[in-house]
Amino acid sequence: MRRCARAVAVVGAAAATGLAGITVPAQAAENYGQYSMFGKRRAGQHWSGGQVGGQWAWKPLSSTTSEISWGDPKKWPPSYAEKFVRSGDWLMLDGWRDNGTYYKLRVTKEQIGDVNCKNLKTFATSGPQHYVKWTIPSTGYCLKAWGTITEQSSGKVVDFGHTQIWYPPASCSNRYLGKQTCIKQWESWWDNNGSPGKPIKRKLDRDQYIARGKGMAFKIHQFYPKTWNSEAKSYWNW
């Protein structure tokens, strides 16, 4: 699901004089794991319209690899789980498992740009998707990816496109857990599932807020294919 070393300012002439010559170390930049809880046995439920809207849970597989499942808590655990791998200063999306098979995701082109998705530069043409920067930068950034998803059991190939905008930490709140600090992800997912070889079509547009020290789905605002909202009501370790 940003950003920055913050400078420490000392206000007041007397304080400035008294502290002259003292070096204050810069605060370490935050990372995606502090917000998403990647690498932890962490879970949560988000609610919509006064009832459970869904549940998620991270399941660590190694020191650098975790799966996250999303589904209905009444039918838990789900067959669906996305596989993420930390590689250097990136968290990579390798693919997901569902219905007894694995869907391997590989990019053919990835671009990175500013928060307005301008000044885009191609930085990868193969491998798993660069999903999010691990060290949170002080400014927002845009990621665009195109590639294929291969169903390992059949060899069926689906083309996809994925655009994300990641925003720096900011204040956020919801009705159940009050004020927190969140990073926000806006994403738009496109694919041609069901029509191999055809142009990709938009399938999802949404915002997701990820809360520091809490985890995923603090708030979700879905815009397409229909308007839908949910808010986290509980988080726990398992």
Protein backbone atom coordinates (compact mmCIF):
# COMPACT_ATOMS: atom_id res chain seq x y z
CA MET A 1 0.00 0.00 0.00
CA ARG A 2 5.96 6.96 2.17
CA ARG A 3 7.90 8.94 3.00
CA CYS A 4 10.39 10.92 4.45
CA ALA A 5 13.00 11.98 6.78
CA ARG A 6 11.69 14.92 8.74
CA ALA A 7 13.87 17.77 9.91
CA VAL A 8 13.65 18.81 13.56
CA ALA A 9 13.16 22.57 14.03
CA VAL A 10 13.97 24.38 17.25
CA VAL A 11 12.00 27.59 17.65
CA GLY A 12 13.14 30.57 19.71
CA ALA A 13 16.30 32.60 19.78
CA ALA A 14 17.32 31.46 23.26
CA ALA A 15 16.82 27.80 22.39
CA ALA A 16 18.70 28.23 19.15
CA THR A 17 21.61 29.84 20.98
CA GLY A 18 21.67 27.19 23.70
CA LEU A 19 21.64 24.34 21.21
CA ALA A 20 24.17 25.83 18.81
CA GLY A 21 26.59 23.22 17.61
CA ILE A 22 24.42 20.25 18.61
CA THR A 23 23.55 17.94 15.72
CA VAL A 24 20.14 16.29 15.90
CA PRO A 25 20.01 13.04 13.91
CA ALA A 26 17.40 12.91 11.15
CA GLN A 27 14.42 10.68 11.80
CA ALA A 28 14.51 7.49 9.77
CA ALA A 29 12.13 7.27 6.86
CA GLU A 30 9.04 5.14 7.37
CA ASN A 31 8.39 2.04 5.32
CA TYR A 32 5.44 0.23 3.81
CA GLY A 33 5.66 -2.57 6.37
CA GLN A 34 4.90 -0.15 9.22
CA TYR A 35 1.56 0.63 7.57
CA SER A 36 0.50 -2.58 5.80
CA MET A 37 1.94 -4.91 8.49
CA PHE A 38 3.54 -6.98 5.74
CA GLY A 39 5.61 -9.78 7.24
CA LYS A 40 3.34 -10.07 10.29
CA ARG A 41 0.53 -12.50 11.10
CA ARG A 42 -1.96 -9.67 10.88
CA ALA A 43 -5.64 -9.62 9.97
CA GLY A 44 -8.63 -7.29 9.96
CA GLN A 45 -12.27 -6.82 9.06
CA HIS A 46 -13.82 -3.89 7.22
CA TRP A 47 -17.51 -3.07 7.43
CA SER A 48 -19.98 -1.59 4.96
CA GLY A 49 -23.61 -0.64 5.55
CA GLY A 50 -23.58 -1.88 9.14
CA GLN A 51 -22.30 -5.36 8.28
CA VAL A 52 -19.03 -7.10 7.47
CA GLY A 53 -17.77 -6.07 4.05
CA GLY A 54 -14.79 -8.39 4.04
CA GLN A 55 -11.76 -9.76 5.85
CA TRP A 56 -8.06 -9.93 5.05
CA ALA A 57 -4.99 -11.61 6.56
CA TRP A 58 -1.25 -11.63 5.95
CA LYS A 59 0.51 -15.01 6.09
CA PRO A 60 4.34 -14.80 6.12
CA LEU A 61 6.04 -17.51 4.06
CA SER A 62 9.64 -16.36 4.69
CA SER A 63 11.50 -13.28 5.88
CA THR A 64 10.85 -11.60 2.51
CA THR A 65 7.67 -13.25 1.22
CA SER A 66 4.06 -13.06 2.40
CA GLU A 67 0.62 -13.90 1.07
CA ILE A 68 -2.44 -11.78 1.71
CA SER A 69 -5.91 -13.33 1.54
CA TRP A 70 -9.13 -11.37 1.00
CA GLY A 71 -12.57 -12.89 1.46
CA ASP A 72 -15.75 -13.51 3.40
CA PRO A 73 -15.07 -14.31 7.09
CA LYS A 74 -17.97 -16.79 7.00
CA LYS A 75 -16.06 -18.81 4.39
CA TRP A 76 -12.57 -18.45 5.84
CA PRO A 77 -9.93 -19.22 4.76
CA PRO A 78 -10.57 -18.32 1.12
CA SER A 79 -8.82 -20.05 -1.78
CA TYR A 80 -7.56 -16.66 -2.98
CA ALA A 81 -4.20 -15.23 -1.84
CA GLU A 82 -1.83 -12.71 -3.45
CA LYS A 83 1.91 -13.36 -3.19
CA PHE A 84 4.25 -10.43 -2.48
CA VAL A 85 8.05 -10.55 -2.30
CA ARG A 86 10.30 -7.84 -0.90
CA SER A 87 13.25 -7.20 -3.21
CA GLY A 88 15.61 -4.37 -2.28
CA ASP A 89 13.54 -1.23 -1.83
CA TRP A 90 10.50 -2.62 -3.62
CA LEU A 91 7.60 -4.89 -2.78
CA MET A 92 6.90 -7.05 -5.82
CA LEU A 93 3.64 -8.73 -6.83
CA ASP A 94 4.48 -12.21 -8.16
CA GLY A 95 0.90 -13.42 -8.70
CA TRP A 96 -1.88 -15.13 -6.77
CA ARG A 97 -3.41 -18.52 -6.12
CA ASP A 98 -7.09 -19.30 -6.50
CA ASN A 99 -9.31 -22.26 -7.32
CA GLY A 100 -6.46 -24.72 -6.85
CA THR A 101 -4.01 -23.11 -9.27
CA TYR A 102 -1.47 -20.29 -9.40
CA TYR A 103 -1.71 -17.23 -11.61
CA LYS A 104 1.77 -15.96 -12.46
CA LEU A 105 2.01 -12.24 -13.19
CA ARG A 106 4.81 -10.89 -15.37
CA VAL A 107 5.21 -7.39 -16.76
CA THR A 108 6.16 -6.37 -20.27
CA LYS A 109 6.50 -2.67 -19.41
CA GLU A 110 6.55 -0.60 -16.22
CA GLN A 111 6.74 3.16 -15.85
CA ILE A 112 7.18 5.50 -12.90
CA GLY A 113 6.24 9.16 -12.74
CA ASP A 114 5.06 11.97 -10.51
CA VAL A 115 1.83 12.02 -8.49
CA ASN A 116 -0.06 13.32 -11.55
CA CYS A 117 1.19 10.41 -13.67
CA LYS A 118 3.32 12.82 -15.69
CA ASN A 119 7.05 12.63 -16.53
CA LEU A 120 6.77 8.87 -16.88
CA LYS A 121 9.91 6.82 -17.42
CA THR A 122 10.13 3.13 -18.30
CA PHE A 123 12.18 1.25 -15.71
CA ALA A 124 11.33 -2.44 -16.25
CA THR A 125 10.24 -4.68 -19.14
CA SER A 126 10.17 -8.12 -17.46
CA GLY A 127 9.70 -9.87 -14.13
CA PRO A 128 7.07 -9.52 -11.39
CA GLN A 129 5.32 -6.19 -10.87
CA HIS A 130 6.93 -3.40 -8.84
CA TYR A 131 3.90 -2.87 -6.63
CA VAL A 132 5.02 -0.25 -4.09
CA LYS A 133 8.23 1.35 -2.84
CA TRP A 134 9.30 -0.10 0.50
CA THR A 135 10.80 3.15 1.84
CA ILE A 136 8.04 5.75 1.80
CA PRO A 137 9.11 8.88 -0.12
CA SER A 138 8.08 12.38 0.88
CA THR A 139 6.08 12.95 -2.31
CA GLY A 140 3.50 10.89 -4.15
CA TYR A 141 4.36 8.85 -7.21
CA CYS A 142 2.62 7.00 -10.05
CA LEU A 143 3.26 3.45 -11.24
CA LYS A 144 1.97 2.01 -14.51
CA ALA A 145 2.34 -1.65 -15.44
CA TRP A 146 1.31 -3.78 -18.42
CA GLY A 147 1.85 -7.48 -18.83
CA THR A 148 0.39 -10.96 -18.69
CA ILE A 149 -1.15 -13.30 -16.14
CA THR A 150 -0.67 -17.00 -16.89
CA GLU A 151 -2.93 -19.63 -15.34
CA GLN A 152 -0.41 -22.31 -14.43
CA SER A 153 -2.87 -25.23 -14.64
CA SER A 154 -3.98 -24.49 -18.21
CA GLY A 155 -1.52 -22.07 -19.75
CA LYS A 156 -4.30 -19.55 -20.40
CA VAL A 157 -2.88 -16.02 -20.72
CA VAL A 158 -4.67 -12.81 -19.77
CA ASP A 159 -3.37 -9.34 -20.62
CA PHE A 160 -3.56 -6.65 -17.93
CA GLY A 161 -2.86 -3.01 -17.20
CA HIS A 162 -2.51 -1.55 -13.71
CA THR A 163 -2.10 2.09 -12.71
CA GLN A 164 -1.42 3.12 -9.13
CA ILE A 165 -0.83 6.43 -7.37
CA TRP A 166 0.74 6.25 -3.91
CA TYR A 167 0.43 9.25 -1.60
CA PRO A 168 2.57 10.26 1.43
CA PRO A 169 1.35 9.79 5.01
CA ALA A 170 -1.53 12.03 6.04
CA SER A 171 -4.19 12.20 8.71
CA CYS A 172 -7.17 9.89 8.16
CA SER A 173 -10.15 8.73 10.20
CA ASN A 174 -13.07 6.36 10.15
CA ARG A 175 -16.20 5.96 12.25
CA TYR A 176 -14.95 2.94 14.17
CA LEU A 177 -11.30 3.65 14.96
CA GLY A 178 -11.09 7.42 14.86
CA LYS A 179 -8.06 9.41 13.76
CA GLN A 180 -4.99 7.61 12.41
CA THR A 181 -2.15 8.24 9.96
CA CYS A 182 -2.53 6.60 6.56
CA ILE A 183 -0.92 6.18 3.20
CA LYS A 184 -3.37 6.19 0.30
CA GLN A 185 -3.31 4.03 -2.80
CA TRP A 186 -5.44 4.89 -5.82
CA GLU A 187 -5.57 2.12 -8.39
CA SER A 188 -7.18 1.29 -11.71
CA TRP A 189 -7.09 -2.32 -12.94
CA TRP A 190 -7.72 -3.36 -16.56
CA ASP A 191 -7.66 -6.80 -18.22
CA ASN A 192 -9.16 -8.90 -21.04
CA ASN A 193 -10.14 -11.90 -18.93
CA GLY A 194 -12.80 -13.83 -20.84
CA SER A 195 -11.66 -12.37 -24.16
CA PRO A 196 -8.03 -13.39 -24.73
CA GLY A 197 -6.41 -11.40 -27.51
CA LYS A 198 -8.92 -8.57 -27.19
CA PRO A 199 -8.19 -5.07 -25.85
CA ILE A 200 -8.07 -4.76 -22.08
CA LYS A 201 -11.07 -3.15 -20.36
CA ARG A 202 -11.39 -1.29 -17.08
CA LYS A 203 -12.50 -3.55 -14.23
CA LEU A 204 -11.81 -1.57 -11.03
CA ASP A 205 -11.10 1.95 -9.77
CA ARG A 206 -10.71 2.55 -6.03
CA ASP A 207 -8.92 4.31 -3.17
CA GLN A 208 -7.52 2.32 -0.27
CA TYR A 209 -6.22 3.88 2.96
CA ILE A 210 -3.65 1.83 4.89
CA ALA A 211 -3.20 2.86 8.54
CA ARG A 212 0.13 3.02 10.36
CA GLY A 213 0.44 0.21 12.90
CA LYS A 214 -3.01 -1.13 11.96
CA GLY A 215 -2.91 -2.57 8.47
CA MET A 216 -4.89 -2.82 5.29
CA ALA A 217 -8.33 -1.54 4.33
CA PHE A 218 -8.65 1.22 6.94
CA LYS A 219 -10.96 2.80 4.38
CA ILE A 220 -11.93 1.69 0.87
CA HIS A 221 -13.74 3.94 -1.60
CA GLN A 222 -14.62 2.05 -4.77
CA PHE A 223 -15.62 4.18 -7.76
CA TYR A 224 -15.95 1.56 -10.53
CA PRO A 225 -17.70 -0.71 -11.52
CA LYS A 226 -20.02 0.62 -8.81
CA THR A 227 -19.76 2.96 -5.85
CA TRP A 228 -19.00 1.09 -2.64
CA ASN A 229 -17.41 2.11 0.66
CA SER A 230 -16.13 0.26 3.71
CA GLU A 231 -14.20 1.06 6.88
CA ALA A 232 -12.03 -1.07 9.14
CA LYS A 233 -13.69 -2.02 12.41
CA SER A 234 -11.15 -4.41 13.93
CA TYR A 235 -7.54 -5.57 13.58
CA TRP A 236 -5.76 -8.45 15.31
CA ASN A 237 -2.66 -10.64 15.30
CA TRP A 238 -3.06 -14.35 14.78
